[in-house]
Amino acid sequence: MKIKYFWICDFATNTGEGNLAHLYLNSLKSKKKIILSKYFFKKKILKKIFDHKYISPFFGILVCWYFFFKKKDITYVNYLPLWNFLIFLLLPTSVKIGPITGGAYFLKNNQYLIRRYIFPILYKISEKIINFRYDKILFSTSLLKQYLSTETIRKSEFDFVLNYVKIKKRKKKKIDFIIYYRKHINKENSFNYNFLEKICSKNYKVNIVGDKINMPNLNNLGYISNKKLNRLLAQTKFTLSSNENIFSLFNIECINNNVKIFADKKHIPKCKFLKKNFIPL
């Protein structure tokens, strides 16, 4: 069987990008897979210099060129935000790509003008490059659909993350809330702190995974493994969704574990699938 090579910037099981990479690999039929980043980042000096979310993609591009010249079957899996046209431009022509990511919900913070007006221009540049290079395109969600041409939509597959939906048997629930929180300029400003303060004041059992929140009556669990997260979610009743991506991998983990999701009512009508899992705010 032919060996397939993959460059993966993030292969962790406690991050969205990492879980997306695992989901993508599991969707492929090939059994002989080599993760190149594991090989290169074994050396601590390389990991320290290049294993950074803004540097590792471009180090990965160099690795892809190396294996391209060796005539290997190689795929660049993540990070692949649509705004970063340089990745699509600099990759060798025969290199396959994983699911493309990106958001479409921007709040008025100090990056609003860039995201609202500059990002759509970058999206169009990337779109032209991708259309020129690829016959089929895979998007992790459908958030970017509003920015794409009819031609691109016709040759694309959307909502790849929904392949992650595998609803489990319901178990006894004894935890009130587990909420994922990440300090990110776009995610943080779309986070409903008012709702969080209210449920904490009512003495619900509230657990935070990810980055720490300094608020009374909260239990900060930090970044935990996917296995531990699922074990806790199986015992959890509710969560709170941020607004930038209603079908984040964390939300899908919640759906799989029969956790009801509180979400902004403005975004729930956009959900074509699994509406019954959401509670409008």
C-alpha atoms as a PDB file:
ATOM      1  CA  MET A   1       0.000   0.000   0.000  1.00  0.00           C
ATOM      2  CA  LYS A   2       1.273   3.458  -0.905  1.00  0.00           C
ATOM      3  CA  ILE A   3       2.515   5.544   2.032  1.00  0.00           C
ATOM      4  CA  LYS A   4       0.890   8.955   2.449  1.00  0.00           C
ATOM      5  CA  TYR A   5       2.655  11.835   4.183  1.00  0.00           C
ATOM      6  CA  PHE A   6       0.942  14.608   6.163  1.00  0.00           C
ATOM      7  CA  TRP A   7       2.124  17.933   7.536  1.00  0.00           C
ATOM      8  CA  ILE A   8       0.056  18.832  10.610  1.00  0.00           C
ATOM      9  CA  CYS A   9       0.829  22.011  12.547  1.00  0.00           C
ATOM     10  CA  ASP A  10      -1.352  21.017  15.503  1.00  0.00           C
ATOM     11  CA  PHE A  11      -2.023  17.362  16.331  1.00  0.00           C
ATOM     12  CA  ALA A  12      -3.137  17.814  19.951  1.00  0.00           C
ATOM     13  CA  THR A  13      -6.335  16.273  21.285  1.00  0.00           C
ATOM     14  CA  ASN A  14      -7.252  19.304  23.423  1.00  0.00           C
ATOM     15  CA  THR A  15      -7.456  21.936  20.663  1.00  0.00           C
ATOM     16  CA  GLY A  16      -9.955  22.529  17.860  1.00  0.00           C
ATOM     17  CA  GLU A  17      -7.297  22.467  15.135  1.00  0.00           C
ATOM     18  CA  GLY A  18      -5.775  19.277  16.545  1.00  0.00           C
ATOM     19  CA  ASN A  19      -9.107  17.463  16.729  1.00  0.00           C
ATOM     20  CA  LEU A  20      -9.960  18.643  13.217  1.00  0.00           C
ATOM     21  CA  ALA A  21      -6.709  17.054  12.008  1.00  0.00           C
ATOM     22  CA  HIS A  22      -7.535  13.760  13.746  1.00  0.00           C
ATOM     23  CA  LEU A  23     -11.028  13.822  12.220  1.00  0.00           C
ATOM     24  CA  TYR A  24      -9.594  14.450   8.763  1.00  0.00           C
ATOM     25  CA  LEU A  25      -7.044  11.622   9.011  1.00  0.00           C
ATOM     26  CA  ASN A  26      -9.686   9.206  10.274  1.00  0.00           C
ATOM     27  CA  SER A  27     -11.858  10.044   7.261  1.00  0.00           C
ATOM     28  CA  LEU A  28      -9.183   8.858   4.838  1.00  0.00           C
ATOM     29  CA  LYS A  29      -9.046   5.254   3.648  1.00  0.00           C
ATOM     30  CA  SER A  30      -5.255   4.999   3.540  1.00  0.00           C
ATOM     31  CA  LYS A  31      -3.837   3.066   6.499  1.00  0.00           C
ATOM     32  CA  LYS A  32      -0.142   3.900   5.990  1.00  0.00           C
ATOM     33  CA  LYS A  33       0.143   7.494   7.180  1.00  0.00           C
ATOM     34  CA  ILE A  34       3.256   9.336   8.299  1.00  0.00           C
ATOM     35  CA  ILE A  35       2.870  12.562  10.310  1.00  0.00           C
ATOM     36  CA  LEU A  36       5.864  14.649   9.276  1.00  0.00           C
ATOM     37  CA  SER A  37       5.630  17.183  12.110  1.00  0.00           C
ATOM     38  CA  LYS A  38       6.152  14.370  14.646  1.00  0.00           C
ATOM     39  CA  TYR A  39       9.385  13.461  12.905  1.00  0.00           C
ATOM     40  CA  PHE A  40      10.758  16.988  12.557  1.00  0.00           C
ATOM     41  CA  PHE A  41       9.755  18.244  15.994  1.00  0.00           C
ATOM     42  CA  LYS A  42      11.408  15.360  17.843  1.00  0.00           C
ATOM     43  CA  LYS A  43      14.461  17.597  18.019  1.00  0.00           C
ATOM     44  CA  LYS A  44      13.874  20.136  20.791  1.00  0.00           C
ATOM     45  CA  ILE A  45      15.688  22.959  19.007  1.00  0.00           C
ATOM     46  CA  LEU A  46      13.374  22.667  15.990  1.00  0.00           C
ATOM     47  CA  LYS A  47      10.306  22.515  18.237  1.00  0.00           C
ATOM     48  CA  LYS A  48      11.390  25.626  20.145  1.00  0.00           C
ATOM     49  CA  ILE A  49      12.014  27.676  16.986  1.00  0.00           C
ATOM     50  CA  PHE A  50       9.416  26.450  14.510  1.00  0.00           C
ATOM     51  CA  ASP A  51       6.519  24.924  16.468  1.00  0.00           C
ATOM     52  CA  HIS A  52       4.560  28.171  16.733  1.00  0.00           C
ATOM     53  CA  LYS A  53       1.157  28.797  15.178  1.00  0.00           C
ATOM     54  CA  TYR A  54       2.495  31.624  12.972  1.00  0.00           C
ATOM     55  CA  ILE A  55       5.797  29.942  12.073  1.00  0.00           C
ATOM     56  CA  SER A  56       5.021  26.225  11.795  1.00  0.00           C
ATOM     57  CA  PRO A  57       2.812  26.663   8.670  1.00  0.00           C
ATOM     58  CA  PHE A  58       5.720  28.129   6.723  1.00  0.00           C
ATOM     59  CA  PHE A  59       8.178  25.582   8.070  1.00  0.00           C
ATOM     60  CA  GLY A  60       5.620  23.008   6.954  1.00  0.00           C
ATOM     61  CA  ILE A  61       5.596  24.507   3.456  1.00  0.00           C
ATOM     62  CA  LEU A  62       9.372  23.964   3.239  1.00  0.00           C
ATOM     63  CA  VAL A  63       8.906  20.368   4.385  1.00  0.00           C
ATOM     64  CA  CYS A  64       6.205  19.887   1.729  1.00  0.00           C
ATOM     65  CA  TRP A  65       8.595  21.138  -0.956  1.00  0.00           C
ATOM     66  CA  TYR A  66      11.244  18.669   0.232  1.00  0.00           C
ATOM     67  CA  PHE A  67       8.857  15.732  -0.108  1.00  0.00           C
ATOM     68  CA  PHE A  68       7.429  17.150  -3.327  1.00  0.00           C
ATOM     69  CA  PHE A  69      10.877  16.878  -4.947  1.00  0.00           C
ATOM     70  CA  LYS A  70      11.100  13.325  -3.612  1.00  0.00           C
ATOM     71  CA  LYS A  71       7.799  12.657  -5.456  1.00  0.00           C
ATOM     72  CA  LYS A  72       5.873  11.628  -2.327  1.00  0.00           C
ATOM     73  CA  ASP A  73       2.124  11.792  -1.791  1.00  0.00           C
ATOM     74  CA  ILE A  74       1.825  14.654   0.701  1.00  0.00           C
ATOM     75  CA  THR A  75      -1.053  16.611   2.263  1.00  0.00           C
ATOM     76  CA  TYR A  76      -0.879  19.870   4.216  1.00  0.00           C
ATOM     77  CA  VAL A  77      -3.614  19.516   6.850  1.00  0.00           C
ATOM     78  CA  ASN A  78      -3.678  22.593   9.144  1.00  0.00           C
ATOM     79  CA  TYR A  79      -3.588  25.564   9.873  1.00  0.00           C
ATOM     80  CA  LEU A  80      -5.554  26.599   6.761  1.00  0.00           C
ATOM     81  CA  PRO A  81      -7.456  29.857   7.395  1.00  0.00           C
ATOM     82  CA  LEU A  82      -8.857  31.227   4.155  1.00  0.00           C
ATOM     83  CA  TRP A  83      -7.390  34.680   4.833  1.00  0.00           C
ATOM     84  CA  ASN A  84      -3.798  33.387   4.705  1.00  0.00           C
ATOM     85  CA  PHE A  85      -3.385  33.336   0.925  1.00  0.00           C
ATOM     86  CA  LEU A  86       0.414  32.914   1.276  1.00  0.00           C
ATOM     87  CA  ILE A  87      -0.025  29.289   2.349  1.00  0.00           C
ATOM     88  CA  PHE A  88      -2.097  28.458  -0.732  1.00  0.00           C
ATOM     89  CA  LEU A  89       0.296  30.407  -2.954  1.00  0.00           C
ATOM     90  CA  LEU A  90       3.561  28.931  -1.635  1.00  0.00           C
ATOM     91  CA  LEU A  91       2.582  25.257  -1.376  1.00  0.00           C
ATOM     92  CA  PRO A  92       3.768  23.003  -4.255  1.00  0.00           C
ATOM     93  CA  THR A  93       1.059  22.536  -6.866  1.00  0.00           C
ATOM     94  CA  SER A  94       0.585  18.791  -6.307  1.00  0.00           C
ATOM     95  CA  VAL A  95       0.273  19.027  -2.505  1.00  0.00           C
ATOM     96  CA  LYS A  96      -3.243  18.268  -1.272  1.00  0.00           C
ATOM     97  CA  ILE A  97      -4.839  20.351   1.487  1.00  0.00           C
ATOM     98  CA  GLY A  98      -7.083  19.544   4.432  1.00  0.00           C
ATOM     99  CA  PRO A  99     -10.254  21.374   5.519  1.00  0.00           C
ATOM    100  CA  ILE A 100     -10.134  25.155   5.084  1.00  0.00           C
ATOM    101  CA  THR A 101     -11.186  27.153   8.147  1.00  0.00           C
ATOM    102  CA  GLY A 102     -12.293  30.695   8.911  1.00  0.00           C
ATOM    103  CA  GLY A 103     -14.958  32.749  10.629  1.00  0.00           C
ATOM    104  CA  ALA A 104     -17.554  35.240   9.474  1.00  0.00           C
ATOM    105  CA  TYR A 105     -18.734  36.773  12.753  1.00  0.00           C
ATOM    106  CA  PHE A 106     -16.731  39.862  13.726  1.00  0.00           C
ATOM    107  CA  LEU A 107     -17.398  42.083  16.714  1.00  0.00           C
ATOM    108  CA  LYS A 108     -16.383  45.727  16.930  1.00  0.00           C
ATOM    109  CA  ASN A 109     -13.058  45.400  18.711  1.00  0.00           C
ATOM    110  CA  ASN A 110      -9.619  46.738  17.827  1.00  0.00           C
ATOM    111  CA  GLN A 111      -9.328  44.232  14.954  1.00  0.00           C
ATOM    112  CA  TYR A 112     -12.804  44.831  13.567  1.00  0.00           C
ATOM    113  CA  LEU A 113     -11.755  46.982  10.594  1.00  0.00           C
ATOM    114  CA  ILE A 114      -9.137  44.430   9.514  1.00  0.00           C
ATOM    115  CA  ARG A 115     -11.496  41.485   9.846  1.00  0.00           C
ATOM    116  CA  ARG A 116     -14.512  43.280   8.368  1.00  0.00           C
ATOM    117  CA  TYR A 117     -12.842  44.945   5.375  1.00  0.00           C
ATOM    118  CA  ILE A 118      -9.373  43.441   4.802  1.00  0.00           C
ATOM    119  CA  PHE A 119     -10.215  39.772   5.368  1.00  0.00           C
ATOM    120  CA  PRO A 120     -12.800  39.615   2.523  1.00  0.00           C
ATOM    121  CA  ILE A 121     -10.108  40.891   0.131  1.00  0.00           C
ATOM    122  CA  LEU A 122      -7.691  38.224   1.364  1.00  0.00           C
ATOM    123  CA  TYR A 123     -10.468  35.613   1.032  1.00  0.00           C
ATOM    124  CA  LYS A 124     -10.876  36.518  -2.644  1.00  0.00           C
ATOM    125  CA  ILE A 125      -7.128  36.253  -3.308  1.00  0.00           C
ATOM    126  CA  SER A 126      -7.032  32.816  -1.668  1.00  0.00           C
ATOM    127  CA  GLU A 127     -10.171  31.757  -3.533  1.00  0.00           C
ATOM    128  CA  LYS A 128      -8.602  32.528  -6.915  1.00  0.00           C
ATOM    129  CA  ILE A 129      -5.453  30.566  -6.034  1.00  0.00           C
ATOM    130  CA  ILE A 130      -7.452  27.605  -4.726  1.00  0.00           C
ATOM    131  CA  ASN A 131      -9.748  27.516  -7.736  1.00  0.00           C
ATOM    132  CA  PHE A 132      -6.766  27.524 -10.050  1.00  0.00           C
ATOM    133  CA  ARG A 133      -5.051  24.664  -8.205  1.00  0.00           C
ATOM    134  CA  TYR A 134      -7.810  22.356  -6.965  1.00  0.00           C
ATOM    135  CA  ASP A 135     -10.833  20.644  -8.508  1.00  0.00           C
ATOM    136  CA  LYS A 136     -12.379  19.847  -5.125  1.00  0.00           C
ATOM    137  CA  ILE A 137     -12.289  21.995  -1.996  1.00  0.00           C
ATOM    138  CA  LEU A 138     -13.148  21.039   1.579  1.00  0.00           C
ATOM    139  CA  PHE A 139     -14.347  23.548   4.209  1.00  0.00           C
ATOM    140  CA  SER A 140     -14.619  22.700   7.900  1.00  0.00           C
ATOM    141  CA  THR A 141     -17.862  24.714   8.265  1.00  0.00           C
ATOM    142  CA  SER A 142     -20.174  26.762   6.043  1.00  0.00           C
ATOM    143  CA  LEU A 143     -19.309  30.082   7.727  1.00  0.00           C
ATOM    144  CA  LEU A 144     -17.294  31.310   4.746  1.00  0.00           C
ATOM    145  CA  LYS A 145     -19.933  30.462   2.151  1.00  0.00           C
ATOM    146  CA  GLN A 146     -21.203  34.047   2.005  1.00  0.00           C
ATOM    147  CA  TYR A 147     -17.807  35.207   0.703  1.00  0.00           C
ATOM    148  CA  LEU A 148     -17.450  32.587  -2.037  1.00  0.00           C
ATOM    149  CA  SER A 149     -18.421  32.666  -5.698  1.00  0.00           C
ATOM    150  CA  THR A 150     -20.966  30.301  -7.220  1.00  0.00           C
ATOM    151  CA  GLU A 151     -18.133  28.504  -9.006  1.00  0.00           C
ATOM    152  CA  THR A 152     -16.306  27.817  -5.732  1.00  0.00           C
ATOM    153  CA  ILE A 153     -19.466  26.713  -3.919  1.00  0.00           C
ATOM    154  CA  ARG A 154     -20.259  24.275  -6.725  1.00  0.00           C
ATOM    155  CA  LYS A 155     -16.918  22.481  -6.390  1.00  0.00           C
ATOM    156  CA  SER A 156     -16.776  22.592  -2.580  1.00  0.00           C
ATOM    157  CA  GLU A 157     -17.904  20.423   0.311  1.00  0.00           C
ATOM    158  CA  PHE A 158     -18.956  22.264   3.484  1.00  0.00           C
ATOM    159  CA  ASP A 159     -19.470  21.419   7.171  1.00  0.00           C
ATOM    160  CA  PHE A 160     -16.833  18.707   7.313  1.00  0.00           C
ATOM    161  CA  VAL A 161     -16.944  18.963  11.125  1.00  0.00           C
ATOM    162  CA  LEU A 162     -20.419  17.412  11.129  1.00  0.00           C
ATOM    163  CA  ASN A 163     -18.731  14.090  10.376  1.00  0.00           C
ATOM    164  CA  TYR A 164     -17.707  14.337  14.029  1.00  0.00           C
ATOM    165  CA  VAL A 165     -21.341  13.988  15.178  1.00  0.00           C
ATOM    166  CA  LYS A 166     -21.787  10.605  16.840  1.00  0.00           C
ATOM    167  CA  ILE A 167     -24.395  10.903  19.574  1.00  0.00           C
ATOM    168  CA  LYS A 168     -23.767   8.583  22.496  1.00  0.00           C
ATOM    169  CA  LYS A 169     -26.118   6.897  24.912  1.00  0.00           C
ATOM    170  CA  ARG A 170     -27.358   9.355  27.536  1.00  0.00           C
ATOM    171  CA  LYS A 171     -25.867   8.990  31.038  1.00  0.00           C
ATOM    172  CA  LYS A 172     -26.830  10.386  34.419  1.00  0.00           C
ATOM    173  CA  LYS A 173     -26.035  14.112  34.627  1.00  0.00           C
ATOM    174  CA  LYS A 174     -24.564  15.583  37.822  1.00  0.00           C
ATOM    175  CA  ILE A 175     -22.520  18.533  36.498  1.00  0.00           C
ATOM    176  CA  ASP A 176     -24.483  21.683  35.644  1.00  0.00           C
ATOM    177  CA  PHE A 177     -22.110  23.416  33.205  1.00  0.00           C
ATOM    178  CA  ILE A 178     -18.837  22.847  31.361  1.00  0.00           C
ATOM    179  CA  ILE A 179     -17.833  25.840  29.232  1.00  0.00           C
ATOM    180  CA  TYR A 180     -14.914  26.184  26.847  1.00  0.00           C
ATOM    181  CA  TYR A 181     -13.111  29.526  27.038  1.00  0.00           C
ATOM    182  CA  ARG A 182     -10.193  30.747  24.976  1.00  0.00           C
ATOM    183  CA  LYS A 183      -8.462  34.116  25.170  1.00  0.00           C
ATOM    184  CA  HIS A 184      -8.702  35.157  21.545  1.00  0.00           C
ATOM    185  CA  ILE A 185      -9.527  38.645  20.246  1.00  0.00           C
ATOM    186  CA  ASN A 186     -12.522  37.439  18.244  1.00  0.00           C
ATOM    187  CA  LYS A 187     -13.678  34.586  20.499  1.00  0.00           C
ATOM    188  CA  GLU A 188     -13.338  36.544  23.729  1.00  0.00           C
ATOM    189  CA  ASN A 189     -15.459  39.454  22.527  1.00  0.00           C
ATOM    190  CA  SER A 190     -18.223  37.088  21.462  1.00  0.00           C
ATOM    191  CA  PHE A 191     -18.295  35.380  24.849  1.00  0.00           C
ATOM    192  CA  ASN A 192     -21.393  35.965  27.018  1.00  0.00           C
ATOM    193  CA  TYR A 193     -19.888  37.029  30.353  1.00  0.00           C
ATOM    194  CA  ASN A 194     -23.283  38.288  31.612  1.00  0.00           C
ATOM    195  CA  PHE A 195     -24.811  34.833  31.311  1.00  0.00           C
ATOM    196  CA  LEU A 196     -21.787  33.308  33.049  1.00  0.00           C
ATOM    197  CA  GLU A 197     -22.043  35.752  35.959  1.00  0.00           C
ATOM    198  CA  LYS A 198     -25.749  34.972  36.358  1.00  0.00           C
ATOM    199  CA  ILE A 199     -25.345  31.200  36.561  1.00  0.00           C
ATOM    200  CA  CYS A 200     -22.412  31.567  38.967  1.00  0.00           C
ATOM    201  CA  SER A 201     -24.532  33.778  41.244  1.00  0.00           C
ATOM    202  CA  LYS A 202     -27.191  31.032  41.297  1.00  0.00           C
ATOM    203  CA  ASN A 203     -24.658  28.526  42.677  1.00  0.00           C
ATOM    204  CA  TYR A 204     -24.673  26.189  39.695  1.00  0.00           C
ATOM    205  CA  LYS A 205     -21.680  23.861  39.328  1.00  0.00           C
ATOM    206  CA  VAL A 206     -19.733  25.670  36.591  1.00  0.00           C
ATOM    207  CA  ASN A 207     -16.491  24.312  35.140  1.00  0.00           C
ATOM    208  CA  ILE A 208     -14.253  26.159  32.676  1.00  0.00           C
ATOM    209  CA  VAL A 209     -11.931  24.312  30.290  1.00  0.00           C
ATOM    210  CA  GLY A 210      -9.229  26.126  28.347  1.00  0.00           C
ATOM    211  CA  ASP A 211      -7.942  29.482  29.563  1.00  0.00           C
ATOM    212  CA  LYS A 212      -8.619  30.668  33.091  1.00  0.00           C
ATOM    213  CA  ILE A 213     -11.452  33.045  34.029  1.00  0.00           C
ATOM    214  CA  ASN A 214     -11.181  34.945  37.287  1.00  0.00           C
ATOM    215  CA  MET A 215     -14.724  34.872  38.596  1.00  0.00           C
ATOM    216  CA  PRO A 216     -16.220  33.649  41.900  1.00  0.00           C
ATOM    217  CA  ASN A 217     -17.773  30.160  42.061  1.00  0.00           C
ATOM    218  CA  LEU A 218     -15.910  28.897  38.984  1.00  0.00           C
ATOM    219  CA  ASN A 219     -13.848  25.733  38.742  1.00  0.00           C
ATOM    220  CA  ASN A 220     -11.035  26.264  36.200  1.00  0.00           C
ATOM    221  CA  LEU A 221      -9.912  22.898  34.811  1.00  0.00           C
ATOM    222  CA  GLY A 222      -7.376  24.292  32.324  1.00  0.00           C
ATOM    223  CA  TYR A 223      -6.565  22.454  29.101  1.00  0.00           C
ATOM    224  CA  ILE A 224      -7.472  18.794  29.499  1.00  0.00           C
ATOM    225  CA  SER A 225      -7.221  15.768  27.234  1.00  0.00           C
ATOM    226  CA  ASN A 226     -10.053  14.915  24.867  1.00  0.00           C
ATOM    227  CA  LYS A 227     -10.601  11.659  26.755  1.00  0.00           C
ATOM    228  CA  LYS A 228     -11.064  13.439  30.091  1.00  0.00           C
ATOM    229  CA  LEU A 229     -13.261  16.105  28.474  1.00  0.00           C
ATOM    230  CA  ASN A 230     -15.633  13.487  27.056  1.00  0.00           C
ATOM    231  CA  ARG A 231     -15.792  11.721  30.400  1.00  0.00           C
ATOM    232  CA  LEU A 232     -16.887  14.985  32.042  1.00  0.00           C
ATOM    233  CA  LEU A 233     -19.256  15.999  29.243  1.00  0.00           C
ATOM    234  CA  ALA A 234     -21.075  12.687  29.596  1.00  0.00           C
ATOM    235  CA  GLN A 235     -22.047  13.887  33.102  1.00  0.00           C
ATOM    236  CA  THR A 236     -22.857  17.481  32.101  1.00  0.00           C
ATOM    237  CA  LYS A 237     -26.251  19.087  31.499  1.00  0.00           C
ATOM    238  CA  PHE A 238     -25.438  22.415  29.786  1.00  0.00           C
ATOM    239  CA  THR A 239     -22.782  24.529  28.100  1.00  0.00           C
ATOM    240  CA  LEU A 240     -22.513  28.069  26.714  1.00  0.00           C
ATOM    241  CA  SER A 241     -21.503  28.665  23.108  1.00  0.00           C
ATOM    242  CA  SER A 242     -19.530  31.642  21.868  1.00  0.00           C
ATOM    243  CA  ASN A 243     -20.957  33.220  18.733  1.00  0.00           C
ATOM    244  CA  GLU A 244     -18.164  32.989  16.174  1.00  0.00           C
ATOM    245  CA  ASN A 245     -18.818  29.314  15.343  1.00  0.00           C
ATOM    246  CA  ILE A 246     -22.006  27.558  16.388  1.00  0.00           C
ATOM    247  CA  PHE A 247     -20.588  24.230  15.171  1.00  0.00           C
ATOM    248  CA  SER A 248     -17.186  24.380  16.856  1.00  0.00           C
ATOM    249  CA  LEU A 249     -15.666  20.997  17.647  1.00  0.00           C
ATOM    250  CA  PHE A 250     -16.291  21.634  21.342  1.00  0.00           C
ATOM    251  CA  ASN A 251     -19.995  22.196  20.638  1.00  0.00           C
ATOM    252  CA  ILE A 252     -20.100  18.989  18.610  1.00  0.00           C
ATOM    253  CA  GLU A 253     -18.463  17.128  21.504  1.00  0.00           C
ATOM    254  CA  CYS A 254     -21.301  18.500  23.635  1.00  0.00           C
ATOM    255  CA  ILE A 255     -23.929  17.335  21.132  1.00  0.00           C
ATOM    256  CA  ASN A 256     -22.356  13.873  21.089  1.00  0.00           C
ATOM    257  CA  ASN A 257     -22.642  13.735  24.876  1.00  0.00           C
ATOM    258  CA  ASN A 258     -26.246  15.037  25.022  1.00  0.00           C
ATOM    259  CA  VAL A 259     -25.240  18.395  26.515  1.00  0.00           C
ATOM    260  CA  LYS A 260     -27.701  21.205  25.789  1.00  0.00           C
ATOM    261  CA  ILE A 261     -26.063  24.349  24.345  1.00  0.00           C
ATOM    262  CA  PHE A 262     -27.113  27.872  25.305  1.00  0.00           C
ATOM    263  CA  ALA A 263     -26.476  30.135  22.292  1.00  0.00           C
ATOM    264  CA  ASP A 264     -27.385  33.569  20.953  1.00  0.00           C
ATOM    265  CA  LYS A 265     -30.841  33.259  19.387  1.00  0.00           C
ATOM    266  CA  LYS A 266     -29.630  35.265  16.346  1.00  0.00           C
ATOM    267  CA  HIS A 267     -27.333  32.415  15.347  1.00  0.00           C
ATOM    268  CA  ILE A 268     -29.520  29.400  15.990  1.00  0.00           C
ATOM    269  CA  PRO A 269     -31.758  29.961  12.903  1.00  0.00           C
ATOM    270  CA  LYS A 270     -28.579  29.567  10.804  1.00  0.00           C
ATOM    271  CA  CYS A 271     -28.228  26.013  12.042  1.00  0.00           C
ATOM    272  CA  LYS A 272     -29.748  23.646   9.516  1.00  0.00           C
ATOM    273  CA  PHE A 273     -28.888  20.579  11.589  1.00  0.00           C
ATOM    274  CA  LEU A 274     -29.307  19.549  15.198  1.00  0.00           C
ATOM    275  CA  LYS A 275     -31.425  22.540  16.253  1.00  0.00           C
ATOM    276  CA  LYS A 276     -32.944  20.574  19.107  1.00  0.00           C
ATOM    277  CA  ASN A 277     -29.568  20.605  20.870  1.00  0.00           C
ATOM    278  CA  PHE A 278     -29.585  24.411  21.228  1.00  0.00           C
ATOM    279  CA  ILE A 279     -31.354  26.664  23.745  1.00  0.00           C
ATOM    280  CA  PRO A 280     -31.793  30.288  22.577  1.00  0.00           C
ATOM    281  CA  LEU A 281     -30.549  33.231  24.647  1.00  0.00           C
END
